[in-house]
Amino acid sequence: MNKPESSPLLDALNLEVHYGGIAAVKGVSFSVMQGEMVCLLGANGAGKTSTLKALARMINSTGEIRYAGEKINELPSHVLINKGLALVPEGRGIFARLTIAENLTMGAYHRQDKAEIAADVERIFTMLPRLKERENQVAGTLSGGEQQMLAIGRALMGRPKLLLLDEPSMGLAPIMVAKVFEVIQSVAAQGVTIFLVEQNALLALKVCSRGYVMESGKITISDTAPNLLADARVRAAYLGE
């Protein structure tokens, strides 16, 4: 894992998300350093997905979000992609009727460097050989794990500096979960900073350096991954002990 630099790549201060009169995220603050792999843990309905959507500017929020030192609260999501911030959403969000190759190309829709785009497609195929074998297959016919790999590959086509991942293991068989997390660790090893939302707390804490625990829209615990693994509250709530 790359050694983090001294200034945060992502910094959120008093972040709030409301759906009408309902507060889903209640004034949370957190940071992710350059080169880190950090997880956000919590049960269903804790506010984790709303947090990621706010960071990617898919929904409105209050408070302050800073990315690479710049306040991004008012920027549209497509501008953030150009700046190197990408989200792999919960449920993958692939284009089911397009082929694998077409899905990857869509991940570079904002780029004009055709030769580099083609090179990046081949780089993704080298990283994800299961997709290379099926590059002309319609994406909707892939298994859940293959779709998750495709969603990650598509996000990487934007050459992100920060990758937000929302529940990458959801609905996958254990063998595919292991393969998807191998890919995520490979991405991190290439220097991409990762902020990971994951219900599989044990797996997340094994691959991340730090973590935050979210309950009912608030961050209740923040610590290093080893300390969270040893925390009795975390073990009781998320590790079944």
Protein backbone atom coordinates (compact mmCIF):
# COMPACT_ATOMS: atom_id res chain seq x y z
CA MET A 1 0.00 0.00 0.00
CA ASN A 2 1.30 3.44 -0.89
CA LYS A 3 2.39 5.69 1.93
CA PRO A 4 -0.15 8.51 2.42
CA GLU A 5 0.93 12.10 1.92
CA SER A 6 0.41 14.78 4.57
CA SER A 7 -2.62 16.59 3.10
CA PRO A 8 -6.04 14.99 2.57
CA LEU A 9 -7.11 14.20 -0.96
CA LEU A 10 -10.70 14.16 0.30
CA ASP A 11 -11.97 16.13 3.26
CA ALA A 12 -15.59 16.38 4.43
CA LEU A 13 -16.68 18.75 7.19
CA ASN A 14 -20.13 18.68 8.77
CA LEU A 15 -21.60 16.88 5.76
CA GLU A 16 -25.39 16.59 5.84
CA VAL A 17 -27.85 14.98 3.44
CA HIS A 18 -31.61 15.41 3.69
CA TYR A 19 -34.45 13.75 1.82
CA GLY A 20 -37.28 16.17 2.46
CA GLY A 21 -37.59 16.39 6.23
CA ILE A 22 -35.55 13.26 6.84
CA ALA A 23 -31.86 13.59 7.69
CA ALA A 24 -29.90 10.67 6.22
CA VAL A 25 -26.44 12.04 7.00
CA LYS A 26 -26.12 14.16 10.12
CA GLY A 27 -23.08 16.40 10.16
CA VAL A 28 -20.28 13.89 9.57
CA SER A 29 -16.63 14.81 9.16
CA PHE A 30 -13.87 12.59 7.78
CA SER A 31 -10.82 12.64 5.54
CA VAL A 32 -8.94 10.36 3.17
CA MET A 33 -5.26 10.94 2.56
CA GLN A 34 -3.53 10.59 -0.79
CA GLY A 35 -2.65 6.93 -1.31
CA GLU A 36 -4.86 5.60 1.47
CA MET A 37 -7.47 2.88 1.38
CA VAL A 38 -10.19 3.80 3.90
CA CYS A 39 -13.50 2.10 4.65
CA LEU A 40 -16.87 3.34 5.87
CA LEU A 41 -18.75 0.65 7.79
CA GLY A 42 -22.32 0.48 8.98
CA ALA A 43 -25.61 -1.38 8.81
CA ASN A 44 -28.27 -0.91 6.13
CA GLY A 45 -29.80 2.55 6.37
CA ALA A 46 -26.86 4.05 8.25
CA GLY A 47 -26.30 6.70 5.55
CA LYS A 48 -23.26 5.24 3.81
CA THR A 49 -24.58 5.31 0.24
CA SER A 50 -25.97 8.81 0.73
CA THR A 51 -22.52 9.88 1.87
CA LEU A 52 -20.86 8.52 -1.26
CA LYS A 53 -23.51 10.04 -3.53
CA ALA A 54 -22.95 13.40 -1.87
CA LEU A 55 -19.19 13.12 -2.39
CA ALA A 56 -19.75 12.33 -6.08
CA ARG A 57 -22.28 15.20 -6.36
CA MET A 58 -25.09 12.85 -7.38
CA ILE A 59 -27.24 14.34 -4.62
CA ASN A 60 -27.15 17.72 -2.89
CA SER A 61 -25.64 18.15 0.55
CA THR A 62 -24.68 20.84 3.02
CA GLY A 63 -21.42 21.26 4.86
CA GLU A 64 -18.14 21.32 2.98
CA ILE A 65 -16.50 18.78 0.69
CA ARG A 66 -12.93 19.42 -0.42
CA TYR A 67 -11.18 17.33 -3.05
CA ALA A 68 -7.50 17.95 -3.80
CA GLY A 69 -7.79 21.16 -1.79
CA GLU A 70 -10.73 22.51 -3.82
CA LYS A 71 -14.26 22.96 -2.50
CA ILE A 72 -16.50 20.87 -4.76
CA ASN A 73 -19.95 21.22 -3.17
CA GLU A 74 -21.40 23.09 -6.13
CA LEU A 75 -19.62 21.30 -8.96
CA PRO A 76 -21.60 18.96 -11.25
CA SER A 77 -20.63 15.30 -11.17
CA HIS A 78 -19.24 15.22 -14.71
CA VAL A 79 -16.72 17.91 -13.76
CA LEU A 80 -15.53 15.75 -10.87
CA ILE A 81 -14.84 12.89 -13.27
CA ASN A 82 -12.56 15.20 -15.24
CA LYS A 83 -10.81 16.06 -11.97
CA GLY A 84 -10.18 12.40 -11.16
CA LEU A 85 -13.01 11.47 -8.77
CA ALA A 86 -15.05 8.41 -9.77
CA LEU A 87 -17.83 6.37 -8.14
CA VAL A 88 -18.61 2.69 -8.63
CA PRO A 89 -22.22 2.68 -7.45
CA GLU A 90 -24.06 0.12 -5.40
CA GLY A 91 -25.68 -2.32 -7.83
CA ARG A 92 -22.85 -1.74 -10.36
CA GLY A 93 -24.90 0.35 -12.83
CA ILE A 94 -23.46 -1.23 -15.95
CA PHE A 95 -25.02 -0.71 -19.38
CA ALA A 96 -26.68 -4.10 -19.66
CA ARG A 97 -27.36 -3.97 -23.43
CA LEU A 98 -23.86 -2.86 -24.38
CA THR A 99 -20.89 -5.19 -24.70
CA ILE A 100 -18.05 -5.30 -22.21
CA ALA A 101 -15.81 -3.34 -24.59
CA GLU A 102 -18.53 -0.72 -25.14
CA ASN A 103 -19.05 -0.35 -21.37
CA LEU A 104 -15.35 0.30 -20.89
CA THR A 105 -15.32 2.87 -23.66
CA MET A 106 -18.25 4.64 -22.00
CA GLY A 107 -16.03 5.10 -18.96
CA ALA A 108 -13.83 7.35 -21.08
CA TYR A 109 -16.66 9.35 -22.66
CA HIS A 110 -15.14 12.65 -21.48
CA ARG A 111 -11.74 11.93 -23.02
CA GLN A 112 -10.58 12.75 -26.54
CA ASP A 113 -7.26 10.85 -26.60
CA LYS A 114 -8.37 7.89 -28.70
CA ALA A 115 -5.02 6.12 -28.78
CA GLU A 116 -4.66 6.40 -25.00
CA ILE A 117 -8.25 5.20 -24.53
CA ALA A 118 -7.51 2.11 -26.60
CA ALA A 119 -4.35 1.51 -24.57
CA ASP A 120 -6.31 1.84 -21.34
CA VAL A 121 -8.90 -0.68 -22.53
CA GLU A 122 -6.10 -3.18 -23.09
CA ARG A 123 -4.62 -2.31 -19.69
CA ILE A 124 -7.99 -3.05 -18.06
CA PHE A 125 -8.23 -6.32 -19.97
CA THR A 126 -4.77 -7.28 -18.74
CA MET A 127 -5.86 -6.57 -15.17
CA LEU A 128 -9.22 -8.32 -15.68
CA PRO A 129 -8.61 -11.27 -18.02
CA ARG A 130 -12.10 -12.67 -17.37
CA LEU A 131 -13.45 -9.62 -19.19
CA LYS A 132 -10.98 -9.93 -22.05
CA GLU A 133 -12.28 -13.43 -22.77
CA ARG A 134 -15.80 -11.98 -23.09
CA GLU A 135 -15.13 -8.51 -24.52
CA ASN A 136 -17.89 -8.77 -27.15
CA GLN A 137 -20.41 -10.32 -24.78
CA VAL A 138 -23.44 -8.26 -23.76
CA ALA A 139 -22.78 -7.04 -20.23
CA GLY A 140 -26.21 -7.94 -18.91
CA THR A 141 -25.42 -11.64 -19.41
CA LEU A 142 -22.38 -11.58 -17.11
CA SER A 143 -22.35 -13.01 -13.62
CA GLY A 144 -22.62 -10.63 -10.69
CA GLY A 145 -18.90 -10.81 -10.00
CA GLU A 146 -18.01 -10.17 -13.63
CA GLN A 147 -20.38 -7.19 -13.68
CA GLN A 148 -18.68 -5.79 -10.57
CA MET A 149 -15.28 -6.15 -12.22
CA LEU A 150 -16.65 -4.41 -15.30
CA ALA A 151 -18.02 -1.54 -13.20
CA ILE A 152 -14.60 -1.08 -11.60
CA GLY A 153 -12.87 -1.30 -14.97
CA ARG A 154 -15.24 1.26 -16.46
CA ALA A 155 -14.48 3.68 -13.60
CA LEU A 156 -10.75 3.18 -14.11
CA MET A 157 -11.12 4.26 -17.74
CA GLY A 158 -11.54 7.78 -16.38
CA ARG A 159 -8.06 7.54 -14.82
CA PRO A 160 -9.30 8.42 -11.33
CA LYS A 161 -7.11 9.65 -8.50
CA LEU A 162 -9.86 8.84 -6.00
CA LEU A 163 -12.17 5.86 -6.43
CA LEU A 164 -15.37 5.63 -4.37
CA LEU A 165 -16.66 2.06 -4.09
CA ASP A 166 -20.17 1.32 -2.82
CA GLU A 167 -20.72 -2.24 -1.55
CA PRO A 168 -18.54 -4.06 -4.13
CA SER A 169 -19.15 -7.46 -2.48
CA MET A 170 -22.94 -7.21 -2.33
CA GLY A 171 -24.74 -10.28 -3.63
CA LEU A 172 -21.60 -12.10 -4.71
CA ALA A 173 -20.52 -15.65 -3.96
CA PRO A 174 -17.50 -15.86 -1.61
CA ILE A 175 -15.10 -16.90 -4.40
CA MET A 176 -16.12 -13.87 -6.47
CA VAL A 177 -15.86 -11.56 -3.46
CA ALA A 178 -12.24 -12.66 -3.06
CA LYS A 179 -11.52 -12.01 -6.75
CA VAL A 180 -13.18 -8.57 -6.71
CA PHE A 181 -11.15 -7.56 -3.65
CA GLU A 182 -7.97 -8.77 -5.33
CA VAL A 183 -8.80 -6.33 -8.13
CA ILE A 184 -9.47 -3.51 -5.65
CA GLN A 185 -6.13 -4.11 -3.92
CA SER A 186 -4.41 -4.15 -7.31
CA VAL A 187 -5.97 -0.78 -8.13
CA ALA A 188 -4.79 0.62 -4.79
CA ALA A 189 -1.28 -0.70 -5.46
CA GLN A 190 -1.23 1.37 -8.65
CA GLY A 191 -1.60 4.54 -6.60
CA VAL A 192 -5.35 5.13 -6.73
CA THR A 193 -6.78 6.37 -3.43
CA ILE A 194 -9.84 4.37 -2.37
CA PHE A 195 -12.80 5.17 -0.11
CA LEU A 196 -14.77 1.99 0.36
CA VAL A 197 -18.29 1.42 1.69
CA GLU A 198 -18.67 -2.23 2.61
CA GLN A 199 -20.97 -4.31 4.82
CA ASN A 200 -18.39 -7.10 5.04
CA ALA A 201 -16.53 -5.40 7.86
CA LEU A 202 -13.96 -8.13 8.35
CA LEU A 203 -12.92 -8.07 4.70
CA ALA A 204 -12.88 -4.26 4.54
CA LEU A 205 -10.76 -3.90 7.66
CA LYS A 206 -8.28 -6.49 6.41
CA VAL A 207 -7.51 -4.49 3.26
CA CYS A 208 -7.89 -0.90 4.52
CA SER A 209 -5.55 1.12 6.72
CA ARG A 210 -8.27 3.08 8.54
CA GLY A 211 -12.01 3.02 8.95
CA TYR A 212 -15.05 4.94 10.09
CA VAL A 213 -18.19 3.44 11.59
CA MET A 214 -21.51 5.10 10.74
CA GLU A 215 -24.70 4.62 12.72
CA SER A 216 -27.99 6.41 12.04
CA GLY A 217 -26.32 9.06 9.88
CA LYS A 218 -23.48 9.82 12.30
CA ILE A 219 -19.89 8.64 12.52
CA THR A 220 -19.54 7.01 15.92
CA ILE A 221 -16.08 5.44 15.75
CA SER A 222 -12.93 6.34 13.82
CA ASP A 223 -9.66 4.43 14.14
CA THR A 224 -7.00 2.39 12.42
CA ALA A 225 -8.14 -0.89 10.88
CA PRO A 226 -6.28 -3.06 13.44
CA ASN A 227 -7.83 -1.13 16.32
CA LEU A 228 -11.31 -1.41 14.80
CA LEU A 229 -10.82 -5.15 14.35
CA ALA A 230 -9.98 -5.38 18.05
CA ASP A 231 -12.78 -3.03 19.20
CA ALA A 232 -15.43 -4.92 21.17
CA ARG A 233 -18.21 -2.68 19.83
CA VAL A 234 -17.22 -3.33 16.23
CA ARG A 235 -16.80 -7.04 16.82
CA ALA A 236 -20.23 -7.30 18.43
CA ALA A 237 -22.07 -5.20 15.85
CA TYR A 238 -20.34 -6.16 12.60
CA LEU A 239 -18.29 -9.30 13.13
CA GLY A 240 -20.94 -11.37 14.89
CA GLU A 241 -19.00 -11.79 18.12
